[in-house]
């Protein structure tokens, strides 16, 4: 039962990545590629553990 609770968000994240970010990354337009890079950085930073100072 817990598998369903974790599988649904993972599938939604994968669908978002495949439908939105990959076409932008593969775009010929530099502005779209830069925007996609910024989105990926934001997502990675959101899930990265906070660094201690």
Protein backbone atom coordinates (compact mmCIF):
# COMPACT_ATOMS: atom_id res chain seq x y z
CA UNK A 1 0.00 0.00 0.00
CA UNK A 2 2.85 2.43 0.76
CA UNK A 3 4.27 1.75 -2.69
CA UNK A 4 1.33 3.60 -4.24
CA UNK A 5 1.97 6.62 -2.03
CA UNK A 6 5.55 6.95 -3.28
CA UNK A 7 5.03 5.78 -6.85
CA UNK A 8 2.46 8.42 -7.77
CA UNK A 9 4.64 11.46 -6.94
CA UNK A 10 7.62 9.81 -8.62
CA UNK A 11 5.64 9.18 -11.79
CA UNK A 12 4.33 12.75 -11.77
CA UNK A 13 7.88 14.11 -11.40
CA UNK A 14 9.06 11.90 -14.26
CA UNK A 15 6.18 13.03 -16.45
CA UNK A 16 6.94 16.68 -15.70
CA UNK A 17 10.60 16.16 -16.51
CA UNK A 18 9.90 14.34 -19.76
CA UNK A 19 7.11 16.63 -20.97
CA UNK A 20 8.48 20.03 -20.02
CA UNK A 21 12.20 20.03 -19.35
CA UNK A 22 13.55 17.65 -21.98
CA UNK A 23 12.05 19.50 -24.96
CA UNK A 24 13.41 22.78 -23.58
CA UNK A 25 16.88 21.30 -23.11
CA UNK A 26 16.90 19.94 -26.65
CA UNK A 27 15.59 23.19 -28.11
CA UNK A 28 17.66 25.08 -30.66
CA UNK A 29 16.79 28.35 -28.96
CA UNK A 30 19.46 29.37 -26.42
CA UNK A 31 16.92 31.21 -24.25
CA UNK A 32 14.86 28.02 -23.79
CA UNK A 33 17.99 26.01 -22.95
CA UNK A 34 19.06 28.59 -20.35
CA UNK A 35 15.56 28.62 -18.86
CA UNK A 36 15.55 24.83 -18.67
CA UNK A 37 18.95 24.89 -16.96
CA UNK A 38 17.64 27.35 -14.36
CA UNK A 39 14.62 25.15 -13.67
CA UNK A 40 16.80 22.07 -13.25
CA UNK A 41 19.09 23.96 -10.85
CA UNK A 42 16.10 25.11 -8.80
CA UNK A 43 14.73 21.56 -8.60
CA UNK A 44 18.10 20.06 -7.68
CA UNK A 45 18.71 22.71 -5.02
CA UNK A 46 15.25 22.09 -3.57
CA UNK A 47 16.01 18.42 -2.98
CA UNK A 48 19.67 18.80 -1.98
CA UNK A 49 20.33 18.66 1.77
CA UNK A 50 21.17 22.01 3.28
CA UNK A 51 24.87 22.64 3.79
CA UNK A 52 26.21 23.45 7.21
CA UNK A 53 28.25 26.61 7.56
